[in-house]
């Protein structure tokens, strides 16, 4: 209401409502787990119904669908994924995104470039995948598919790929974000981090340093689930980084333009 009264662009209000075990609003009706969706029609209808319920609550961004490929029940992400190979995951993910889009919800493909094959829970520690760029091709297939379908937002996972970037996990990596996602896959939408307060990041970086590196790497939005004083520290550090030239104004402007374009698209869609 404050944004509307001030004439500002609409606020982005997001939630993790994947269905199944990750459903923040358990009182809603559409709670189908991705693992139980077996065809594209169902994926579309689930996205449509879930999106409509979220819209009624005032939510306009859903951090869904999960596009990671988990072939083993030992995988950390297994219970939250579509079943099948990369082609099947790509088809189901694209169909669910169409449902979200038709309902007026901004969908978020996650967790680029994929947790599949890792058993470490990134909420606690940093998973490591020893994939080369060539071997990463199968994991990237669902993301390629949804990018072609114009998914508006992609979330980057906290996963280390030492053969691709030995210094930073994907969520802080200019190689994974700038080269692979932006240049090679051609994604032009909004990029958001997974929660920077997760153990995968905090074991190696302070929240403030992680935030600065994420922006330098090409992230547009920082997702942080922490306390208000910590947000203040992060904001102050980011502001100082821009003032000192560590983060260029051009880098900030790129993200601002993408976010404003996304908000304009959302506003236009919801005014119909």
C-alpha atoms as a PDB file:
ATOM      1  CA  UNK A   1       0.000   0.000   0.000  1.00  0.00           C
ATOM      2  CA  UNK A   2       2.840   2.409   0.831  1.00  0.00           C
ATOM      3  CA  UNK A   3       4.435   1.835  -2.579  1.00  0.00           C
ATOM      4  CA  UNK A   4       1.140   2.425  -4.368  1.00  0.00           C
ATOM      5  CA  UNK A   5       0.395   5.588  -2.392  1.00  0.00           C
ATOM      6  CA  UNK A   6       3.872   6.937  -3.094  1.00  0.00           C
ATOM      7  CA  UNK A   7       3.534   6.196  -6.803  1.00  0.00           C
ATOM      8  CA  UNK A   8       6.504   3.807  -6.648  1.00  0.00           C
ATOM      9  CA  UNK A   9       6.852   0.641  -8.723  1.00  0.00           C
ATOM     10  CA  UNK A  10       5.064  -2.347  -7.151  1.00  0.00           C
ATOM     11  CA  UNK A  11       6.937  -4.249  -4.459  1.00  0.00           C
ATOM     12  CA  UNK A  12       8.106  -7.783  -5.160  1.00  0.00           C
ATOM     13  CA  UNK A  13       6.590 -10.087  -2.531  1.00  0.00           C
ATOM     14  CA  UNK A  14       8.097 -13.549  -2.723  1.00  0.00           C
ATOM     15  CA  UNK A  15       7.637 -16.948  -1.105  1.00  0.00           C
ATOM     16  CA  UNK A  16       8.968 -20.512  -1.299  1.00  0.00           C
ATOM     17  CA  UNK A  17       5.781 -22.340  -2.280  1.00  0.00           C
ATOM     18  CA  UNK A  18       7.185 -25.295  -4.196  1.00  0.00           C
ATOM     19  CA  UNK A  19       4.539 -27.759  -3.049  1.00  0.00           C
ATOM     20  CA  UNK A  20       5.343 -30.859  -1.027  1.00  0.00           C
ATOM     21  CA  UNK A  21       7.819 -30.433   1.816  1.00  0.00           C
ATOM     22  CA  UNK A  22       8.599 -26.797   0.965  1.00  0.00           C
ATOM     23  CA  UNK A  23       5.221 -25.110   1.286  1.00  0.00           C
ATOM     24  CA  UNK A  24       5.319 -21.992   3.468  1.00  0.00           C
ATOM     25  CA  UNK A  25       1.539 -21.575   3.318  1.00  0.00           C
ATOM     26  CA  UNK A  26       0.306 -24.986   4.430  1.00  0.00           C
ATOM     27  CA  UNK A  27      -3.289 -23.721   4.632  1.00  0.00           C
ATOM     28  CA  UNK A  28      -3.566 -23.366   0.828  1.00  0.00           C
ATOM     29  CA  UNK A  29      -5.133 -26.091  -1.300  1.00  0.00           C
ATOM     30  CA  UNK A  30      -2.552 -26.540  -4.070  1.00  0.00           C
ATOM     31  CA  UNK A  31       0.331 -28.304  -2.333  1.00  0.00           C
ATOM     32  CA  UNK A  32       1.218 -30.919  -4.949  1.00  0.00           C
ATOM     33  CA  UNK A  33       4.879 -31.938  -4.709  1.00  0.00           C
ATOM     34  CA  UNK A  34       6.936 -31.719  -7.890  1.00  0.00           C
ATOM     35  CA  UNK A  35       7.885 -35.388  -7.529  1.00  0.00           C
ATOM     36  CA  UNK A  36       4.200 -36.303  -7.921  1.00  0.00           C
ATOM     37  CA  UNK A  37       3.711 -34.371 -11.191  1.00  0.00           C
ATOM     38  CA  UNK A  38       3.947 -36.810 -14.083  1.00  0.00           C
ATOM     39  CA  UNK A  39       2.879 -34.840 -17.174  1.00  0.00           C
ATOM     40  CA  UNK A  40       3.018 -31.328 -18.614  1.00  0.00           C
ATOM     41  CA  UNK A  41      -0.732 -30.742 -18.371  1.00  0.00           C
ATOM     42  CA  UNK A  42      -0.660 -31.379 -14.629  1.00  0.00           C
ATOM     43  CA  UNK A  43       2.448 -29.199 -14.236  1.00  0.00           C
ATOM     44  CA  UNK A  44       0.676 -26.332 -16.014  1.00  0.00           C
ATOM     45  CA  UNK A  45      -2.525 -26.695 -13.974  1.00  0.00           C
ATOM     46  CA  UNK A  46      -0.626 -26.883 -10.684  1.00  0.00           C
ATOM     47  CA  UNK A  47       1.259 -23.699 -11.564  1.00  0.00           C
ATOM     48  CA  UNK A  48      -1.965 -21.968 -12.576  1.00  0.00           C
ATOM     49  CA  UNK A  49      -3.905 -22.964  -9.441  1.00  0.00           C
ATOM     50  CA  UNK A  50      -0.999 -22.268  -7.076  1.00  0.00           C
ATOM     51  CA  UNK A  51      -0.366 -18.914  -8.714  1.00  0.00           C
ATOM     52  CA  UNK A  52      -3.981 -17.838  -8.324  1.00  0.00           C
ATOM     53  CA  UNK A  53      -3.967 -18.743  -4.633  1.00  0.00           C
ATOM     54  CA  UNK A  54      -0.765 -16.795  -4.057  1.00  0.00           C
ATOM     55  CA  UNK A  55      -2.102 -13.769  -5.935  1.00  0.00           C
ATOM     56  CA  UNK A  56      -5.107 -13.699  -3.619  1.00  0.00           C
ATOM     57  CA  UNK A  57      -2.699 -13.437  -0.674  1.00  0.00           C
ATOM     58  CA  UNK A  58      -0.829 -10.528  -2.242  1.00  0.00           C
ATOM     59  CA  UNK A  59       2.196 -12.596  -3.289  1.00  0.00           C
ATOM     60  CA  UNK A  60       3.563 -11.928  -6.779  1.00  0.00           C
ATOM     61  CA  UNK A  61       6.830 -13.929  -6.841  1.00  0.00           C
ATOM     62  CA  UNK A  62       7.108 -17.663  -6.235  1.00  0.00           C
ATOM     63  CA  UNK A  63      10.547 -19.253  -5.897  1.00  0.00           C
ATOM     64  CA  UNK A  64       9.500 -22.199  -8.029  1.00  0.00           C
ATOM     65  CA  UNK A  65       9.961 -24.464  -9.961  1.00  0.00           C
ATOM     66  CA  UNK A  66      12.962 -26.489  -8.844  1.00  0.00           C
ATOM     67  CA  UNK A  67      14.915 -27.413 -11.997  1.00  0.00           C
ATOM     68  CA  UNK A  68      17.695 -29.427 -10.363  1.00  0.00           C
ATOM     69  CA  UNK A  69      18.087 -32.973 -11.713  1.00  0.00           C
ATOM     70  CA  UNK A  70      18.293 -35.555  -8.925  1.00  0.00           C
ATOM     71  CA  UNK A  71      18.670 -39.138 -10.099  1.00  0.00           C
ATOM     72  CA  UNK A  72      19.418 -40.632  -6.673  1.00  0.00           C
ATOM     73  CA  UNK A  73      17.435 -40.569  -3.439  1.00  0.00           C
ATOM     74  CA  UNK A  74      20.743 -39.699  -1.734  1.00  0.00           C
ATOM     75  CA  UNK A  75      20.742 -36.274  -3.400  1.00  0.00           C
ATOM     76  CA  UNK A  76      20.038 -33.417  -0.997  1.00  0.00           C
ATOM     77  CA  UNK A  77      17.417 -31.957  -3.351  1.00  0.00           C
ATOM     78  CA  UNK A  78      15.739 -35.275  -4.299  1.00  0.00           C
ATOM     79  CA  UNK A  79      12.420 -34.822  -2.467  1.00  0.00           C
ATOM     80  CA  UNK A  80      11.840 -31.435  -4.115  1.00  0.00           C
ATOM     81  CA  UNK A  81      12.486 -32.255  -7.789  1.00  0.00           C
ATOM     82  CA  UNK A  82      10.585 -33.465 -10.821  1.00  0.00           C
ATOM     83  CA  UNK A  83      11.292 -37.114 -11.565  1.00  0.00           C
ATOM     84  CA  UNK A  84      13.046 -38.019 -14.813  1.00  0.00           C
ATOM     85  CA  UNK A  85      16.016 -37.045 -16.945  1.00  0.00           C
ATOM     86  CA  UNK A  86      17.028 -33.533 -17.951  1.00  0.00           C
ATOM     87  CA  UNK A  87      14.685 -33.498 -20.948  1.00  0.00           C
ATOM     88  CA  UNK A  88      11.720 -34.470 -18.778  1.00  0.00           C
ATOM     89  CA  UNK A  89      12.581 -31.958 -16.055  1.00  0.00           C
ATOM     90  CA  UNK A  90      12.869 -29.262 -18.735  1.00  0.00           C
ATOM     91  CA  UNK A  91       9.415 -30.073 -20.141  1.00  0.00           C
ATOM     92  CA  UNK A  92       7.687 -30.144 -16.762  1.00  0.00           C
ATOM     93  CA  UNK A  93       9.455 -27.007 -15.569  1.00  0.00           C
ATOM     94  CA  UNK A  94       8.505 -25.067 -18.683  1.00  0.00           C
ATOM     95  CA  UNK A  95       4.859 -26.164 -18.344  1.00  0.00           C
ATOM     96  CA  UNK A  96       4.688 -25.123 -14.684  1.00  0.00           C
ATOM     97  CA  UNK A  97       6.161 -21.727 -15.549  1.00  0.00           C
ATOM     98  CA  UNK A  98       3.446 -21.227 -18.185  1.00  0.00           C
ATOM     99  CA  UNK A  99       0.883 -21.854 -15.452  1.00  0.00           C
ATOM    100  CA  UNK A 100       2.475 -19.348 -13.104  1.00  0.00           C
ATOM    101  CA  UNK A 101       2.718 -16.771 -15.889  1.00  0.00           C
ATOM    102  CA  UNK A 102      -0.947 -17.140 -16.822  1.00  0.00           C
ATOM    103  CA  UNK A 103      -1.925 -16.675 -13.163  1.00  0.00           C
ATOM    104  CA  UNK A 104       0.033 -13.394 -12.984  1.00  0.00           C
ATOM    105  CA  UNK A 105       2.852 -14.762 -10.825  1.00  0.00           C
ATOM    106  CA  UNK A 106       6.575 -14.214 -11.438  1.00  0.00           C
ATOM    107  CA  UNK A 107       8.152 -17.663 -11.482  1.00  0.00           C
ATOM    108  CA  UNK A 108      11.755 -18.354 -10.484  1.00  0.00           C
ATOM    109  CA  UNK A 109      13.752 -21.208 -11.991  1.00  0.00           C
ATOM    110  CA  UNK A 110      16.156 -22.638  -9.423  1.00  0.00           C
ATOM    111  CA  UNK A 111      18.836 -23.565  -8.317  1.00  0.00           C
ATOM    112  CA  UNK A 112      21.149 -22.706 -11.217  1.00  0.00           C
ATOM    113  CA  UNK A 113      23.203 -24.537 -12.360  1.00  0.00           C
ATOM    114  CA  UNK A 114      21.855 -27.506 -10.366  1.00  0.00           C
ATOM    115  CA  UNK A 115      22.304 -29.352  -7.061  1.00  0.00           C
ATOM    116  CA  UNK A 116      21.872 -32.792  -8.650  1.00  0.00           C
ATOM    117  CA  UNK A 117      24.528 -35.262  -7.593  1.00  0.00           C
ATOM    118  CA  UNK A 118      25.311 -33.543  -4.275  1.00  0.00           C
ATOM    119  CA  UNK A 119      24.387 -34.966  -0.887  1.00  0.00           C
ATOM    120  CA  UNK A 120      25.410 -31.930   1.186  1.00  0.00           C
ATOM    121  CA  UNK A 121      22.602 -29.683   2.419  1.00  0.00           C
ATOM    122  CA  UNK A 122      23.584 -26.144   1.360  1.00  0.00           C
ATOM    123  CA  UNK A 123      21.583 -24.726   4.262  1.00  0.00           C
ATOM    124  CA  UNK A 124      24.395 -26.096   6.434  1.00  0.00           C
ATOM    125  CA  UNK A 125      27.545 -26.513   4.313  1.00  0.00           C
ATOM    126  CA  UNK A 126      28.825 -25.809   0.796  1.00  0.00           C
ATOM    127  CA  UNK A 127      28.239 -28.651  -1.704  1.00  0.00           C
ATOM    128  CA  UNK A 128      31.007 -29.260  -4.251  1.00  0.00           C
ATOM    129  CA  UNK A 129      30.540 -30.664  -7.775  1.00  0.00           C
ATOM    130  CA  UNK A 130      33.592 -31.647  -9.796  1.00  0.00           C
ATOM    131  CA  UNK A 131      31.920 -31.038 -13.155  1.00  0.00           C
ATOM    132  CA  UNK A 132      33.690 -29.456 -16.091  1.00  0.00           C
ATOM    133  CA  UNK A 133      31.753 -27.006 -18.229  1.00  0.00           C
ATOM    134  CA  UNK A 134      31.220 -29.761 -20.828  1.00  0.00           C
ATOM    135  CA  UNK A 135      29.821 -32.189 -18.265  1.00  0.00           C
ATOM    136  CA  UNK A 136      27.521 -29.472 -16.937  1.00  0.00           C
ATOM    137  CA  UNK A 137      25.514 -29.485 -20.177  1.00  0.00           C
ATOM    138  CA  UNK A 138      22.899 -31.971 -18.940  1.00  0.00           C
ATOM    139  CA  UNK A 139      22.254 -29.972 -15.747  1.00  0.00           C
ATOM    140  CA  UNK A 140      21.800 -26.819 -17.821  1.00  0.00           C
ATOM    141  CA  UNK A 141      19.181 -28.269 -20.184  1.00  0.00           C
ATOM    142  CA  UNK A 142      16.139 -27.359 -18.007  1.00  0.00           C
ATOM    143  CA  UNK A 143      17.478 -23.817 -17.582  1.00  0.00           C
ATOM    144  CA  UNK A 144      18.009 -23.456 -21.335  1.00  0.00           C
ATOM    145  CA  UNK A 145      14.420 -24.592 -21.893  1.00  0.00           C
ATOM    146  CA  UNK A 146      12.837 -22.132 -19.465  1.00  0.00           C
ATOM    147  CA  UNK A 147      15.033 -19.266 -20.650  1.00  0.00           C
ATOM    148  CA  UNK A 148      13.678 -19.820 -24.156  1.00  0.00           C
ATOM    149  CA  UNK A 149      10.212 -19.790 -22.574  1.00  0.00           C
ATOM    150  CA  UNK A 150      11.074 -16.388 -21.037  1.00  0.00           C
ATOM    151  CA  UNK A 151      11.210 -17.294 -17.365  1.00  0.00           C
ATOM    152  CA  UNK A 152      11.451 -13.873 -15.678  1.00  0.00           C
ATOM    153  CA  UNK A 153      13.817 -14.793 -12.836  1.00  0.00           C
ATOM    154  CA  UNK A 154      16.523 -17.350 -12.069  1.00  0.00           C
ATOM    155  CA  UNK A 155      17.876 -18.209  -8.617  1.00  0.00           C
ATOM    156  CA  UNK A 156      21.543 -19.162  -8.256  1.00  0.00           C
ATOM    157  CA  UNK A 157      22.446 -22.020  -5.930  1.00  0.00           C
ATOM    158  CA  UNK A 158      25.253 -22.179  -3.390  1.00  0.00           C
ATOM    159  CA  UNK A 159      27.326 -24.876  -5.100  1.00  0.00           C
ATOM    160  CA  UNK A 160      31.075 -24.875  -5.694  1.00  0.00           C
ATOM    161  CA  UNK A 161      32.381 -25.922  -9.130  1.00  0.00           C
ATOM    162  CA  UNK A 162      36.167 -25.846  -8.660  1.00  0.00           C
ATOM    163  CA  UNK A 163      36.878 -26.844 -12.284  1.00  0.00           C
ATOM    164  CA  UNK A 164      34.853 -23.823 -13.466  1.00  0.00           C
ATOM    165  CA  UNK A 165      35.508 -21.249 -10.710  1.00  0.00           C
ATOM    166  CA  UNK A 166      37.979 -22.241  -8.000  1.00  0.00           C
ATOM    167  CA  UNK A 167      37.373 -19.094  -5.942  1.00  0.00           C
ATOM    168  CA  UNK A 168      33.627 -18.699  -5.571  1.00  0.00           C
ATOM    169  CA  UNK A 169      30.435 -20.774  -5.338  1.00  0.00           C
ATOM    170  CA  UNK A 170      27.976 -20.312  -8.209  1.00  0.00           C
ATOM    171  CA  UNK A 171      25.967 -17.682  -6.316  1.00  0.00           C
ATOM    172  CA  UNK A 172      29.039 -15.432  -6.097  1.00  0.00           C
ATOM    173  CA  UNK A 173      30.730 -16.442  -9.346  1.00  0.00           C
ATOM    174  CA  UNK A 174      31.187 -14.055 -12.290  1.00  0.00           C
ATOM    175  CA  UNK A 175      31.992 -17.112 -14.423  1.00  0.00           C
ATOM    176  CA  UNK A 176      28.788 -19.026 -13.677  1.00  0.00           C
ATOM    177  CA  UNK A 177      26.582 -15.927 -13.754  1.00  0.00           C
ATOM    178  CA  UNK A 178      28.254 -13.581 -16.240  1.00  0.00           C
ATOM    179  CA  UNK A 179      29.686 -16.042 -18.730  1.00  0.00           C
ATOM    180  CA  UNK A 180      27.515 -19.161 -18.541  1.00  0.00           C
ATOM    181  CA  UNK A 181      24.052 -17.848 -17.564  1.00  0.00           C
ATOM    182  CA  UNK A 182      24.158 -14.414 -19.200  1.00  0.00           C
ATOM    183  CA  UNK A 183      26.422 -14.893 -22.227  1.00  0.00           C
ATOM    184  CA  UNK A 184      26.221 -18.574 -23.134  1.00  0.00           C
ATOM    185  CA  UNK A 185      22.576 -19.196 -22.220  1.00  0.00           C
ATOM    186  CA  UNK A 186      21.466 -15.668 -23.121  1.00  0.00           C
ATOM    187  CA  UNK A 187      19.405 -14.971 -20.004  1.00  0.00           C
ATOM    188  CA  UNK A 188      18.274 -11.331 -19.880  1.00  0.00           C
ATOM    189  CA  UNK A 189      15.954 -11.459 -16.884  1.00  0.00           C
ATOM    190  CA  UNK A 190      16.493 -10.924 -13.166  1.00  0.00           C
ATOM    191  CA  UNK A 191      19.027 -13.034 -11.266  1.00  0.00           C
ATOM    192  CA  UNK A 192      18.556 -13.572  -7.539  1.00  0.00           C
ATOM    193  CA  UNK A 193      20.773 -15.325  -5.006  1.00  0.00           C
ATOM    194  CA  UNK A 194      19.672 -18.204  -2.875  1.00  0.00           C
ATOM    195  CA  UNK A 195      19.563 -17.097   0.778  1.00  0.00           C
ATOM    196  CA  UNK A 196      22.943 -15.564   1.607  1.00  0.00           C
ATOM    197  CA  UNK A 197      22.338 -16.436   5.248  1.00  0.00           C
ATOM    198  CA  UNK A 198      22.742 -20.168   4.551  1.00  0.00           C
ATOM    199  CA  UNK A 199      25.672 -22.088   5.997  1.00  0.00           C
ATOM    200  CA  UNK A 200      27.103 -22.768   2.533  1.00  0.00           C
ATOM    201  CA  UNK A 201      28.017 -19.075   2.351  1.00  0.00           C
ATOM    202  CA  UNK A 202      28.421 -17.964   5.955  1.00  0.00           C
ATOM    203  CA  UNK A 203      31.127 -20.558   6.674  1.00  0.00           C
ATOM    204  CA  UNK A 204      33.460 -18.755   4.278  1.00  0.00           C
ATOM    205  CA  UNK A 205      32.142 -15.192   3.901  1.00  0.00           C
ATOM    206  CA  UNK A 206      30.620 -12.522   6.073  1.00  0.00           C
ATOM    207  CA  UNK A 207      27.144 -11.489   4.985  1.00  0.00           C
ATOM    208  CA  UNK A 208      28.440  -8.078   3.894  1.00  0.00           C
ATOM    209  CA  UNK A 209      31.327  -9.501   1.848  1.00  0.00           C
ATOM    210  CA  UNK A 210      29.055 -12.101   0.244  1.00  0.00           C
ATOM    211  CA  UNK A 211      26.592  -9.377  -0.735  1.00  0.00           C
ATOM    212  CA  UNK A 212      29.267  -7.238  -2.367  1.00  0.00           C
ATOM    213  CA  UNK A 213      30.721 -10.185  -4.262  1.00  0.00           C
ATOM    214  CA  UNK A 214      27.255 -11.293  -5.430  1.00  0.00           C
ATOM    215  CA  UNK A 215      26.590  -7.871  -6.957  1.00  0.00           C
ATOM    216  CA  UNK A 216      30.043  -7.781  -8.555  1.00  0.00           C
ATOM    217  CA  UNK A 217      29.374 -11.246  -9.995  1.00  0.00           C
ATOM    218  CA  UNK A 218      26.199 -10.030 -11.696  1.00  0.00           C
ATOM    219  CA  UNK A 219      23.362 -10.755  -9.270  1.00  0.00           C
ATOM    220  CA  UNK A 220      20.427  -8.334  -9.395  1.00  0.00           C
ATOM    221  CA  UNK A 221      18.702  -9.141  -6.092  1.00  0.00           C
ATOM    222  CA  UNK A 222      20.182 -10.402  -2.834  1.00  0.00           C
ATOM    223  CA  UNK A 223      17.941 -12.805  -0.946  1.00  0.00           C
ATOM    224  CA  UNK A 224      18.791 -12.639   2.749  1.00  0.00           C
ATOM    225  CA  UNK A 225      16.872 -14.198   5.624  1.00  0.00           C
ATOM    226  CA  UNK A 226      18.484 -12.680   8.699  1.00  0.00           C
ATOM    227  CA  UNK A 227      17.802  -9.949  11.282  1.00  0.00           C
ATOM    228  CA  UNK A 228      17.150  -6.238  10.704  1.00  0.00           C
ATOM    229  CA  UNK A 229      20.508  -5.110  12.192  1.00  0.00           C
ATOM    230  CA  UNK A 230      22.315  -7.449   9.769  1.00  0.00           C
ATOM    231  CA  UNK A 231      20.382  -5.962   6.840  1.00  0.00           C
ATOM    232  CA  UNK A 232      21.588  -2.539   7.936  1.00  0.00           C
ATOM    233  CA  UNK A 233      25.214  -3.713   7.986  1.00  0.00           C
ATOM    234  CA  UNK A 234      24.815  -5.253   4.529  1.00  0.00           C
ATOM    235  CA  UNK A 235      23.193  -2.112   3.093  1.00  0.00           C
ATOM    236  CA  UNK A 236      25.910   0.111   4.564  1.00  0.00           C
ATOM    237  CA  UNK A 237      28.647  -2.120   3.136  1.00  0.00           C
ATOM    238  CA  UNK A 238      27.039  -2.121  -0.327  1.00  0.00           C
ATOM    239  CA  UNK A 239      26.635   1.661  -0.272  1.00  0.00           C
ATOM    240  CA  UNK A 240      30.272   2.084   0.753  1.00  0.00           C
ATOM    241  CA  UNK A 241      31.388  -0.315  -2.017  1.00  0.00           C
ATOM    242  CA  UNK A 242      29.647   1.850  -4.625  1.00  0.00           C
ATOM    243  CA  UNK A 243      31.002   5.087  -3.167  1.00  0.00           C
ATOM    244  CA  UNK A 244      34.550   3.674  -3.220  1.00  0.00           C
ATOM    245  CA  UNK A 245      34.238   2.283  -6.739  1.00  0.00           C
ATOM    246  CA  UNK A 246      34.474  -1.364  -5.716  1.00  0.00           C
ATOM    247  CA  UNK A 247      31.048  -1.773  -7.314  1.00  0.00           C
ATOM    248  CA  UNK A 248      30.543   0.482 -10.319  1.00  0.00           C
ATOM    249  CA  UNK A 249      27.418   2.570 -10.778  1.00  0.00           C
ATOM    250  CA  UNK A 250      27.053   0.939 -14.202  1.00  0.00           C
ATOM    251  CA  UNK A 251      26.835  -2.491 -12.524  1.00  0.00           C
ATOM    252  CA  UNK A 252      24.098  -1.195 -10.198  1.00  0.00           C
ATOM    253  CA  UNK A 253      22.225   0.496 -13.054  1.00  0.00           C
ATOM    254  CA  UNK A 254      22.135  -2.757 -15.033  1.00  0.00           C
ATOM    255  CA  UNK A 255      20.330  -4.479 -12.172  1.00  0.00           C
ATOM    256  CA  UNK A 256      17.996  -1.563 -11.505  1.00  0.00           C
ATOM    257  CA  UNK A 257      16.890  -1.559 -15.151  1.00  0.00           C
ATOM    258  CA  UNK A 258      16.183  -5.298 -15.102  1.00  0.00           C
ATOM    259  CA  UNK A 259      14.184  -5.049 -11.865  1.00  0.00           C
ATOM    260  CA  UNK A 260      12.168  -2.038 -13.050  1.00  0.00           C
ATOM    261  CA  UNK A 261      11.414  -3.770 -16.363  1.00  0.00           C
ATOM    262  CA  UNK A 262      10.207  -6.838 -14.478  1.00  0.00           C
ATOM    263  CA  UNK A 263       7.990  -4.675 -12.263  1.00  0.00           C
ATOM    264  CA  UNK A 264       6.557  -2.827 -15.272  1.00  0.00           C
ATOM    265  CA  UNK A 265       5.752  -6.138 -16.927  1.00  0.00           C
ATOM    266  CA  UNK A 266       4.064  -7.344 -13.741  1.00  0.00           C
ATOM    267  CA  UNK A 267       2.098  -4.118 -13.377  1.00  0.00           C
ATOM    268  CA  UNK A 268       0.914  -4.242 -16.999  1.00  0.00           C
ATOM    269  CA  UNK A 269      -0.091  -7.910 -16.706  1.00  0.00           C
ATOM    270  CA  UNK A 270      -2.049  -7.422 -13.496  1.00  0.00           C
ATOM    271  CA  UNK A 271      -3.868  -4.319 -14.763  1.00  0.00           C
ATOM    272  CA  UNK A 272      -5.570  -6.282 -17.550  1.00  0.00           C
END
